[in-house]
Amino acid sequence: MKRTISAIIAGSIFVAAAFAEPSQVGARRENQQDRIAQGVKSGSLTAGETARLEKRESAINQEVRTDRSLNGGKLTGQEHRMVNGQQNKMSNQIYREKHNAATQHYGNNEVAARRYNQQQRIASGIASGKLTAGQTARLEKGESAINQETRADRAVNGGSLTPGERAAINGQQNVASGKIYRDKHN
C-alpha cells in the first residue's frame, strides 16, 4: 500500500513538473517583456538598449522553439536549466540597462513629440503581446537610427534642425510609424 501511494505521488510530481515547465519559461518571458515595455514607456530604456535586449530575447525564444520542436514539444532538464540561466542573465541585463545613466529624452518640439508617441506605441505593443521580441528589436533599431541622425543634424546646426532636415526626419518617422502599425496588426 505504501509503495502504491509513493508511486502515485512520484508520478503526480513528474506529471506536474512536465506541465509546469513550459509555463515557467513562458511566464518568465512575459514578465521580462513587461519589464522592457515599462522601461520603454518610462524612458529608462533608450531605443538602442531596447533593440539589444529584444534581439537577445528573440534569440532565447528561438532556441526554446527549436529545442521543443526537437523533443516533441518539451524541454529536457538540461535545456530547461540552460534557458533558465539565459533568462537570469537577461533579467540582470534588463535591470542594468534600466538603471544606467542613459535615458530617452524628449524635447518640446514636433520631432521629439513624434518620437515619444512612437515609443509609447511600441511599449503598448510589447505589453499587449502584439509585438514579438524580434519585431520590437527591428522597430527599435530603426528608431535608434532616426534618433542618431537627429542628434547628428542638431550637432551640426547648433542644436536645431533646418526645415529640410525636419522634413526628412518626419518622412523617416512616417515610415517607422507604418512599420509599427503593420507589426502590431499582422
Protein backbone atom coordinates (compact mmCIF):
# COMPACT_ATOMS: atom_id res chain seq x y z
CA MET A 1 0.00 0.00 0.00
CA LYS A 2 2.79 2.43 0.93
CA ARG A 3 4.61 1.62 -2.33
CA THR A 4 1.48 2.32 -4.34
CA ILE A 5 0.96 5.67 -2.64
CA SER A 6 4.64 6.52 -3.12
CA ALA A 7 4.41 5.59 -6.80
CA ILE A 8 1.29 7.71 -7.26
CA ILE A 9 2.92 10.69 -5.53
CA ALA A 10 6.11 10.32 -7.56
CA GLY A 11 4.10 10.03 -10.77
CA SER A 12 1.99 13.09 -9.96
CA ILE A 13 5.12 15.10 -9.16
CA PHE A 14 6.62 14.06 -12.51
CA VAL A 15 3.40 14.99 -14.38
CA ALA A 16 3.16 18.31 -12.52
CA ALA A 17 6.77 19.11 -13.38
CA ALA A 18 6.18 18.27 -17.03
CA PHE A 19 3.18 20.60 -17.21
CA ALA A 20 4.78 23.35 -15.10
CA GLU A 21 7.97 23.61 -17.14
CA PRO A 22 6.56 25.30 -20.26
CA SER A 23 4.50 27.75 -18.24
CA GLN A 24 7.54 28.72 -16.15
CA VAL A 25 9.54 29.56 -19.26
CA GLY A 26 6.56 31.36 -20.80
CA ALA A 27 5.71 33.24 -17.60
CA ARG A 28 9.29 34.34 -17.21
CA ARG A 29 9.37 35.54 -20.82
CA GLU A 30 6.14 37.52 -20.31
CA ASN A 31 7.47 39.08 -17.11
CA GLN A 32 10.65 40.21 -18.85
CA GLN A 33 8.68 41.62 -21.78
CA ASP A 34 6.55 43.60 -19.31
CA ARG A 35 9.71 44.98 -17.68
CA ILE A 36 11.08 46.04 -21.06
CA ALA A 37 7.75 47.65 -22.00
CA GLN A 38 7.73 49.59 -18.73
CA GLY A 39 11.31 50.75 -19.40
CA VAL A 40 10.40 51.94 -22.89
CA LYS A 41 7.30 53.71 -21.61
CA SER A 42 9.13 55.45 -18.76
CA GLY A 43 12.12 56.41 -20.92
CA SER A 44 14.60 54.49 -18.74
CA LEU A 45 15.46 52.36 -21.79
CA THR A 46 16.74 54.06 -24.91
CA ALA A 47 15.81 52.77 -28.36
CA GLY A 48 19.29 51.24 -28.76
CA GLU A 49 19.15 49.50 -25.39
CA THR A 50 15.69 48.15 -26.15
CA ALA A 51 16.81 46.86 -29.55
CA ARG A 52 19.75 44.98 -27.96
CA LEU A 53 17.54 43.49 -25.23
CA GLU A 54 14.86 42.42 -27.67
CA LYS A 55 17.42 40.87 -30.01
CA ARG A 56 18.72 38.73 -27.12
CA GLU A 57 15.20 37.86 -26.02
CA SER A 58 14.36 36.83 -29.57
CA ALA A 59 17.41 34.54 -29.70
CA ILE A 60 16.39 32.83 -26.44
CA ASN A 61 12.83 32.39 -27.72
CA GLN A 62 14.10 30.87 -30.98
CA GLU A 63 16.33 28.48 -29.06
CA VAL A 64 13.39 27.34 -26.92
CA ARG A 65 11.22 26.80 -30.01
CA THR A 66 13.98 24.80 -31.69
CA ASP A 67 14.65 22.68 -28.60
CA ARG A 68 10.95 21.96 -28.16
CA SER A 69 10.47 21.02 -31.79
CA LEU A 70 13.32 18.53 -31.48
CA ASN A 71 11.93 17.00 -28.27
CA GLY A 72 8.23 16.59 -29.01
CA GLY A 73 7.17 19.93 -27.56
CA LYS A 74 9.11 19.71 -24.30
CA LEU A 75 12.44 20.85 -22.95
CA THR A 76 14.81 18.34 -21.37
CA GLY A 77 16.02 19.05 -17.84
CA GLN A 78 19.38 20.23 -19.16
CA GLU A 79 17.74 22.51 -21.75
CA HIS A 80 15.44 23.91 -19.10
CA ARG A 81 18.44 24.71 -16.87
CA MET A 82 20.24 26.37 -19.80
CA VAL A 83 17.20 28.50 -20.67
CA ASN A 84 16.78 29.44 -17.00
CA GLY A 85 20.42 30.56 -16.88
CA GLN A 86 19.99 32.59 -20.06
CA GLN A 87 16.84 34.17 -18.66
CA ASN A 88 18.68 35.01 -15.42
CA LYS A 89 21.37 36.80 -17.45
CA MET A 90 18.67 38.54 -19.48
CA SER A 91 16.92 39.66 -16.31
CA ASN A 92 20.15 41.13 -14.94
CA GLN A 93 20.82 42.89 -18.25
CA ILE A 94 17.33 44.43 -18.23
CA TYR A 95 17.97 45.71 -14.71
CA ARG A 96 21.36 47.18 -15.65
CA GLU A 97 20.02 48.86 -18.78
CA LYS A 98 17.01 50.31 -16.96
CA HIS A 99 19.13 51.67 -14.12
CA ASN A 100 22.10 53.09 -16.00
CA ALA A 101 22.59 56.78 -16.73
CA ALA A 102 21.27 56.54 -20.30
CA THR A 103 17.67 57.63 -20.60
CA GLN A 104 15.43 58.54 -23.50
CA HIS A 105 14.93 62.31 -23.54
CA TYR A 106 12.20 64.02 -25.50
CA GLY A 107 12.29 67.74 -26.22
CA ASN A 108 9.47 70.21 -26.66
CA ASN A 109 9.19 70.11 -30.43
CA GLU A 110 7.28 68.19 -33.10
CA VAL A 111 10.09 65.71 -33.81
CA ALA A 112 10.51 64.87 -30.14
CA ALA A 113 6.76 64.56 -29.57
CA ARG A 114 6.50 62.17 -32.51
CA ARG A 115 9.42 60.12 -31.19
CA TYR A 116 7.75 59.91 -27.78
CA ASN A 117 4.43 58.86 -29.33
CA GLN A 118 6.08 56.08 -31.34
CA GLN A 119 7.94 54.80 -28.28
CA GLN A 120 4.62 54.65 -26.42
CA ARG A 121 3.07 52.69 -29.29
CA ILE A 122 5.96 50.22 -29.22
CA ALA A 123 5.69 49.92 -25.43
CA SER A 124 1.96 49.18 -25.66
CA GLY A 125 2.65 46.57 -28.36
CA ILE A 126 5.20 44.85 -26.13
CA ALA A 127 2.91 44.95 -23.10
CA SER A 128 -0.09 43.60 -25.02
CA GLY A 129 1.94 40.86 -26.68
CA LYS A 130 1.15 42.16 -30.18
CA LEU A 131 4.85 42.69 -30.88
CA THR A 132 7.30 39.82 -30.70
CA ALA A 133 10.83 40.31 -29.43
CA GLY A 134 12.16 40.14 -32.99
CA GLN A 135 9.69 42.72 -34.28
CA THR A 136 10.46 45.01 -31.37
CA ALA A 137 14.21 44.69 -31.96
CA ARG A 138 13.78 45.70 -35.62
CA LEU A 139 11.48 48.61 -34.76
CA GLU A 140 13.79 49.89 -32.02
CA LYS A 141 16.82 49.60 -34.32
CA GLY A 142 15.00 51.87 -36.79
CA GLU A 143 14.04 54.31 -34.03
CA SER A 144 17.63 54.35 -32.81
CA ALA A 145 18.88 55.20 -36.31
CA ILE A 146 16.41 58.09 -36.60
CA ASN A 147 17.44 59.34 -33.14
CA GLN A 148 21.14 59.22 -34.08
CA GLU A 149 20.52 61.11 -37.30
CA THR A 150 18.53 63.75 -35.42
CA ARG A 151 21.35 64.19 -32.88
CA ALA A 152 23.94 64.47 -35.64
CA ASP A 153 21.89 67.05 -37.56
CA ARG A 154 21.36 69.10 -34.42
CA ALA A 155 25.06 68.95 -33.54
CA VAL A 156 25.98 70.33 -36.97
CA ASN A 157 23.39 73.14 -36.75
CA GLY A 158 23.98 74.40 -33.22
CA GLY A 159 21.18 72.42 -31.56
CA SER A 160 18.35 72.93 -34.04
CA LEU A 161 17.08 71.32 -37.22
CA THR A 162 16.73 73.04 -40.57
CA PRO A 163 13.29 72.83 -42.23
CA GLY A 164 14.70 70.34 -44.77
CA GLU A 165 16.17 68.13 -42.03
CA ARG A 166 12.90 68.30 -40.09
CA ALA A 167 11.00 67.22 -43.23
CA ALA A 168 13.43 64.34 -43.86
CA ILE A 169 13.15 63.12 -40.27
CA ASN A 170 9.36 63.43 -40.42
CA GLY A 171 9.39 61.24 -43.55
CA GLN A 172 11.52 58.63 -41.76
CA GLN A 173 9.16 58.76 -38.80
CA ASN A 174 6.21 58.22 -41.16
CA VAL A 175 7.86 55.05 -42.47
CA ALA A 176 8.63 53.89 -38.91
CA SER A 177 5.04 54.61 -37.87
CA GLY A 178 3.74 52.44 -40.70
CA LYS A 179 6.06 49.61 -39.67
CA ILE A 180 4.84 49.85 -36.07
CA TYR A 181 1.24 49.67 -37.25
CA ARG A 182 1.85 46.70 -39.56
CA ASP A 183 3.79 44.74 -36.94
CA LYS A 184 1.16 45.34 -34.26
CA HIS A 185 -1.72 44.36 -36.56
CA ASN A 186 -0.37 41.39 -38.51
